[in-house]
């Protein structure tokens, strides 16, 4: 059974830099697996790393966390990425789905 960590939209930057933003909590959980992790991105196996980046987007100093792997470049902008720990307990499994559409009125 997998452990779902978070769901978030794929950023427009991910296809360019192979970095998918994750929460600090997800980063902390993934770091328990090591700084270099096995990743599975929509079925494609790769190796990835968890990294932080200092940021100045707010007045107070803080960091943003990312999972980095070449396979992340294939994720489509706007799709929803679900990040999980696979059933083996050591692989980061990322699966993307189309965003839910609001019911149309009519």
N, C-alpha and C. Protein backbone atom coordinates (compact mmCIF):
# COMPACT_ATOMS: atom_id res chain seq x y z
N UNK A 1 0.85 -1.18 0.00
CA UNK A 1 0.00 0.00 0.00
C UNK A 1 0.89 1.24 0.00
N UNK A 2 0.51 2.24 -0.74
CA UNK A 2 1.32 3.46 -0.82
C UNK A 2 0.91 4.48 0.24
N UNK A 3 1.81 5.40 0.50
CA UNK A 3 1.59 6.49 1.47
C UNK A 3 1.52 7.79 0.67
N UNK A 4 0.32 8.35 0.50
CA UNK A 4 0.17 9.60 -0.24
C UNK A 4 0.70 10.75 0.62
N UNK A 5 1.61 11.54 0.04
CA UNK A 5 2.21 12.66 0.75
C UNK A 5 1.55 13.99 0.41
N UNK A 6 1.28 14.20 -0.87
CA UNK A 6 0.64 15.47 -1.27
C UNK A 6 0.20 15.42 -2.72
N UNK A 7 -0.67 16.38 -3.05
CA UNK A 7 -1.12 16.60 -4.43
C UNK A 7 -0.95 18.08 -4.72
N UNK A 8 -0.41 18.38 -5.89
CA UNK A 8 -0.29 19.78 -6.28
C UNK A 8 -0.14 19.86 -7.79
N UNK A 9 -0.54 21.00 -8.38
CA UNK A 9 -0.40 21.17 -9.83
C UNK A 9 1.06 21.20 -10.26
N UNK A 10 1.30 20.73 -11.46
CA UNK A 10 2.64 20.77 -12.05
C UNK A 10 2.90 22.20 -12.51
N UNK A 11 4.01 22.76 -12.07
CA UNK A 11 4.40 24.13 -12.40
C UNK A 11 4.88 24.23 -13.84
N UNK A 12 4.75 25.41 -14.41
CA UNK A 12 5.27 25.65 -15.77
C UNK A 12 6.79 25.52 -15.82
N UNK A 13 7.47 25.70 -14.68
CA UNK A 13 8.93 25.61 -14.64
C UNK A 13 9.43 24.17 -14.64
N UNK A 14 8.60 23.23 -14.20
CA UNK A 14 9.05 21.84 -14.03
C UNK A 14 9.57 21.24 -15.33
N UNK A 15 8.90 21.50 -16.45
CA UNK A 15 9.34 20.94 -17.73
C UNK A 15 10.70 21.50 -18.16
N UNK A 16 11.03 22.70 -17.70
CA UNK A 16 12.31 23.31 -18.06
C UNK A 16 13.45 22.83 -17.16
N UNK A 17 13.18 22.76 -15.85
CA UNK A 17 14.29 22.50 -14.93
C UNK A 17 14.26 21.14 -14.23
N UNK A 18 13.22 20.35 -14.44
CA UNK A 18 13.15 19.04 -13.81
C UNK A 18 13.02 19.09 -12.31
N UNK A 19 12.47 20.19 -11.78
CA UNK A 19 12.26 20.36 -10.35
C UNK A 19 10.77 20.51 -10.07
N UNK A 20 10.26 19.62 -9.22
CA UNK A 20 8.86 19.67 -8.83
C UNK A 20 8.80 20.15 -7.40
N UNK A 21 8.12 21.28 -7.16
CA UNK A 21 8.05 21.83 -5.81
C UNK A 21 7.25 20.90 -4.90
N UNK A 22 7.74 20.73 -3.68
CA UNK A 22 7.08 19.92 -2.67
C UNK A 22 7.03 20.72 -1.37
N UNK A 23 6.16 20.32 -0.48
CA UNK A 23 6.06 21.00 0.81
C UNK A 23 7.25 20.63 1.70
N UNK A 24 7.47 21.44 2.73
CA UNK A 24 8.54 21.15 3.69
C UNK A 24 8.28 19.81 4.38
N UNK A 25 7.02 19.51 4.67
CA UNK A 25 6.68 18.23 5.29
C UNK A 25 6.98 17.05 4.40
N UNK A 26 6.66 17.17 3.12
CA UNK A 26 6.98 16.11 2.17
C UNK A 26 8.49 15.96 2.04
N UNK A 27 9.20 17.08 1.98
CA UNK A 27 10.67 17.03 1.90
C UNK A 27 11.24 16.30 3.11
N UNK A 28 10.73 16.61 4.29
CA UNK A 28 11.24 15.95 5.51
C UNK A 28 11.00 14.44 5.44
N UNK A 29 9.82 14.04 4.96
CA UNK A 29 9.52 12.60 4.85
C UNK A 29 10.43 11.94 3.83
N UNK A 30 10.63 12.58 2.67
CA UNK A 30 11.48 12.00 1.64
C UNK A 30 12.94 11.91 2.08
N UNK A 31 13.38 12.88 2.86
CA UNK A 31 14.77 12.85 3.34
C UNK A 31 15.02 11.69 4.29
N UNK A 32 13.97 11.10 4.86
CA UNK A 32 14.17 9.89 5.67
C UNK A 32 14.60 8.72 4.80
N UNK A 33 14.37 8.83 3.47
CA UNK A 33 14.79 7.79 2.53
C UNK A 33 16.22 8.03 2.04
N UNK A 34 16.77 9.23 2.30
CA UNK A 34 18.10 9.60 1.84
C UNK A 34 18.02 10.82 0.95
N UNK A 35 19.16 11.42 0.64
CA UNK A 35 19.15 12.61 -0.21
C UNK A 35 18.97 12.23 -1.68
N UNK A 36 19.35 11.02 -2.05
CA UNK A 36 19.14 10.51 -3.40
C UNK A 36 18.12 9.38 -3.30
N UNK A 37 17.06 9.46 -4.10
CA UNK A 37 15.97 8.50 -4.00
C UNK A 37 15.59 7.93 -5.36
N UNK A 38 15.03 6.72 -5.34
CA UNK A 38 14.45 6.16 -6.55
C UNK A 38 13.11 6.84 -6.77
N UNK A 39 12.87 7.27 -8.01
CA UNK A 39 11.58 7.89 -8.34
C UNK A 39 10.96 7.17 -9.51
N UNK A 40 9.65 7.19 -9.55
CA UNK A 40 8.87 6.63 -10.64
C UNK A 40 7.91 7.73 -11.04
N UNK A 41 8.09 8.29 -12.23
CA UNK A 41 7.26 9.41 -12.70
C UNK A 41 6.37 8.91 -13.83
N UNK A 42 5.10 8.75 -13.54
CA UNK A 42 4.15 8.20 -14.52
C UNK A 42 4.71 6.94 -15.17
N UNK A 43 5.30 6.08 -14.34
CA UNK A 43 5.80 4.79 -14.80
C UNK A 43 7.24 4.77 -15.28
N UNK A 44 7.89 5.93 -15.36
CA UNK A 44 9.28 6.01 -15.82
C UNK A 44 10.20 6.06 -14.61
N UNK A 45 11.11 5.07 -14.52
CA UNK A 45 12.04 4.99 -13.39
C UNK A 45 13.20 5.95 -13.57
N UNK A 46 13.63 6.55 -12.47
CA UNK A 46 14.73 7.52 -12.48
C UNK A 46 15.31 7.60 -11.08
N UNK A 47 16.35 8.39 -10.91
CA UNK A 47 16.91 8.73 -9.60
C UNK A 47 16.68 10.21 -9.40
N UNK A 48 16.38 10.60 -8.17
CA UNK A 48 16.13 12.00 -7.89
C UNK A 48 16.78 12.42 -6.59
N UNK A 49 16.76 13.72 -6.35
CA UNK A 49 17.28 14.28 -5.11
C UNK A 49 16.27 15.26 -4.54
N UNK A 50 16.36 15.42 -3.22
CA UNK A 50 15.54 16.40 -2.52
C UNK A 50 16.45 17.59 -2.23
N UNK A 51 16.01 18.78 -2.61
CA UNK A 51 16.85 19.97 -2.44
C UNK A 51 16.01 21.16 -2.02
N UNK A 52 16.66 22.07 -1.31
CA UNK A 52 15.98 23.31 -0.93
C UNK A 52 16.64 24.48 -1.64
N UNK A 53 15.90 25.57 -1.72
CA UNK A 53 16.41 26.78 -2.34
C UNK A 53 15.96 27.96 -1.51
N UNK A 54 16.91 28.80 -1.05
CA UNK A 54 16.49 30.00 -0.32
C UNK A 54 15.67 30.90 -1.25
N UNK A 55 14.72 31.61 -0.68
CA UNK A 55 13.83 32.42 -1.51
C UNK A 55 13.56 33.77 -0.87
N UNK A 56 13.28 34.74 -1.72
CA UNK A 56 12.97 36.09 -1.25
C UNK A 56 11.59 36.54 -1.76
N UNK A 57 10.70 35.58 -2.03
CA UNK A 57 9.37 35.95 -2.55
C UNK A 57 8.49 36.57 -1.47
N UNK A 58 8.88 36.46 -0.21
CA UNK A 58 8.17 37.10 0.90
C UNK A 58 9.18 37.93 1.68
N UNK A 59 8.71 38.85 2.49
CA UNK A 59 9.65 39.67 3.26
C UNK A 59 10.56 38.86 4.19
N UNK A 60 10.02 37.77 4.78
CA UNK A 60 10.85 36.97 5.68
C UNK A 60 11.61 35.89 4.91
N UNK A 61 12.81 35.59 5.37
CA UNK A 61 13.63 34.54 4.75
C UNK A 61 12.95 33.19 4.91
N UNK A 62 12.97 32.40 3.86
CA UNK A 62 12.40 31.06 3.90
C UNK A 62 12.99 30.23 2.76
N UNK A 63 12.62 28.97 2.69
CA UNK A 63 13.10 28.10 1.62
C UNK A 63 11.93 27.44 0.91
N UNK A 64 12.17 27.08 -0.32
CA UNK A 64 11.26 26.25 -1.08
C UNK A 64 11.96 24.91 -1.26
N UNK A 65 11.18 23.83 -1.25
CA UNK A 65 11.71 22.48 -1.39
C UNK A 65 11.30 21.88 -2.72
N UNK A 66 12.20 21.07 -3.29
CA UNK A 66 11.97 20.48 -4.60
C UNK A 66 12.44 19.03 -4.63
N UNK A 67 11.78 18.26 -5.44
CA UNK A 67 12.27 16.95 -5.84
C UNK A 67 12.81 17.18 -7.24
N UNK A 68 14.06 16.80 -7.47
CA UNK A 68 14.70 17.01 -8.77
C UNK A 68 15.02 15.67 -9.43
N UNK A 69 14.63 15.52 -10.70
CA UNK A 69 14.94 14.33 -11.48
C UNK A 69 14.66 14.63 -12.95
N UNK A 70 15.50 14.11 -13.85
CA UNK A 70 15.26 14.35 -15.27
C UNK A 70 13.86 13.91 -15.73
N UNK A 71 13.33 12.81 -15.20
CA UNK A 71 12.01 12.32 -15.64
C UNK A 71 10.88 13.30 -15.33
N UNK A 72 11.11 14.21 -14.38
CA UNK A 72 10.07 15.19 -14.04
C UNK A 72 9.81 16.16 -15.19
N UNK A 73 10.77 16.31 -16.09
CA UNK A 73 10.60 17.22 -17.23
C UNK A 73 9.45 16.80 -18.14
N UNK A 74 9.06 15.54 -18.08
CA UNK A 74 7.98 15.03 -18.95
C UNK A 74 6.59 15.33 -18.40
N UNK A 75 6.50 15.82 -17.16
CA UNK A 75 5.18 16.11 -16.60
C UNK A 75 4.57 17.32 -17.30
N UNK A 76 3.28 17.24 -17.60
CA UNK A 76 2.59 18.31 -18.30
C UNK A 76 2.13 19.40 -17.34
N UNK A 77 2.37 20.64 -17.74
CA UNK A 77 1.95 21.80 -16.94
C UNK A 77 0.45 21.74 -16.70
N UNK A 78 0.05 22.04 -15.47
CA UNK A 78 -1.36 22.10 -15.11
C UNK A 78 -1.97 20.79 -14.66
N UNK A 79 -1.32 19.67 -14.97
CA UNK A 79 -1.83 18.40 -14.46
C UNK A 79 -1.59 18.36 -12.96
N UNK A 80 -2.30 17.51 -12.26
CA UNK A 80 -2.14 17.39 -10.82
C UNK A 80 -1.21 16.21 -10.54
N UNK A 81 -0.13 16.48 -9.81
CA UNK A 81 0.84 15.46 -9.46
C UNK A 81 0.56 14.97 -8.04
N UNK A 82 0.39 13.66 -7.90
CA UNK A 82 0.25 13.04 -6.59
C UNK A 82 1.57 12.39 -6.25
N UNK A 83 2.17 12.82 -5.14
CA UNK A 83 3.46 12.30 -4.70
C UNK A 83 3.20 11.33 -3.55
N UNK A 84 3.72 10.10 -3.70
CA UNK A 84 3.51 9.04 -2.72
C UNK A 84 4.81 8.29 -2.48
N UNK A 85 4.84 7.56 -1.37
CA UNK A 85 5.87 6.56 -1.16
C UNK A 85 5.23 5.25 -1.61
N UNK A 86 5.87 4.57 -2.56
CA UNK A 86 5.32 3.33 -3.10
C UNK A 86 5.25 2.25 -2.02
N UNK A 87 4.57 1.18 -2.32
CA UNK A 87 4.40 0.07 -1.40
C UNK A 87 5.70 -0.55 -0.92
N UNK A 88 6.79 -0.37 -1.69
CA UNK A 88 8.08 -0.94 -1.26
C UNK A 88 8.72 -0.13 -0.14
N UNK A 89 8.14 1.05 0.16
CA UNK A 89 8.63 1.88 1.26
C UNK A 89 9.87 2.69 0.96
N UNK A 90 10.37 2.65 -0.29
CA UNK A 90 11.59 3.39 -0.60
C UNK A 90 11.57 4.12 -1.94
N UNK A 91 10.53 3.92 -2.74
CA UNK A 91 10.44 4.57 -4.04
C UNK A 91 9.42 5.70 -3.98
N UNK A 92 9.80 6.85 -4.52
CA UNK A 92 8.88 7.99 -4.61
C UNK A 92 8.11 7.83 -5.92
N UNK A 93 6.81 7.70 -5.81
CA UNK A 93 5.94 7.48 -6.96
C UNK A 93 5.15 8.76 -7.23
N UNK A 94 5.33 9.33 -8.41
CA UNK A 94 4.60 10.54 -8.80
C UNK A 94 3.74 10.20 -10.00
N UNK A 95 2.45 10.42 -9.84
CA UNK A 95 1.50 10.15 -10.93
C UNK A 95 0.73 11.43 -11.21
N UNK A 96 0.57 11.72 -12.49
CA UNK A 96 -0.16 12.93 -12.86
C UNK A 96 -1.52 12.57 -13.45
N UNK A 97 -2.47 13.45 -13.18
CA UNK A 97 -3.82 13.30 -13.72
C UNK A 97 -4.29 14.67 -14.19
N UNK A 98 -5.27 14.66 -15.06
CA UNK A 98 -5.84 15.92 -15.52
C UNK A 98 -6.56 16.58 -14.35
N UNK A 99 -6.52 17.91 -14.26
CA UNK A 99 -7.23 18.59 -13.17
C UNK A 99 -8.74 18.36 -13.31
N UNK A 100 -9.39 18.34 -12.17
CA UNK A 100 -10.86 18.18 -12.19
C UNK A 100 -11.50 19.42 -12.78
N UNK A 101 -12.48 19.20 -13.60
CA UNK A 101 -13.22 20.31 -14.20
C UNK A 101 -14.45 20.59 -13.35
N UNK A 102 -14.75 21.84 -13.17
CA UNK A 102 -15.97 22.22 -12.45
C UNK A 102 -17.16 21.82 -13.32
N UNK A 103 -18.24 21.35 -12.70
CA UNK A 103 -19.42 21.00 -13.49
C UNK A 103 -19.91 22.21 -14.27
N UNK A 104 -20.27 21.97 -15.52
CA UNK A 104 -20.78 23.09 -16.33
C UNK A 104 -22.23 23.36 -15.98
N UNK A 105 -22.56 24.63 -16.05
CA UNK A 105 -23.94 25.03 -15.77
C UNK A 105 -24.70 25.05 -17.08
N UNK A 106 -25.90 24.67 -17.03
CA UNK A 106 -26.60 24.76 -18.27
C UNK A 106 -27.85 24.10 -18.30
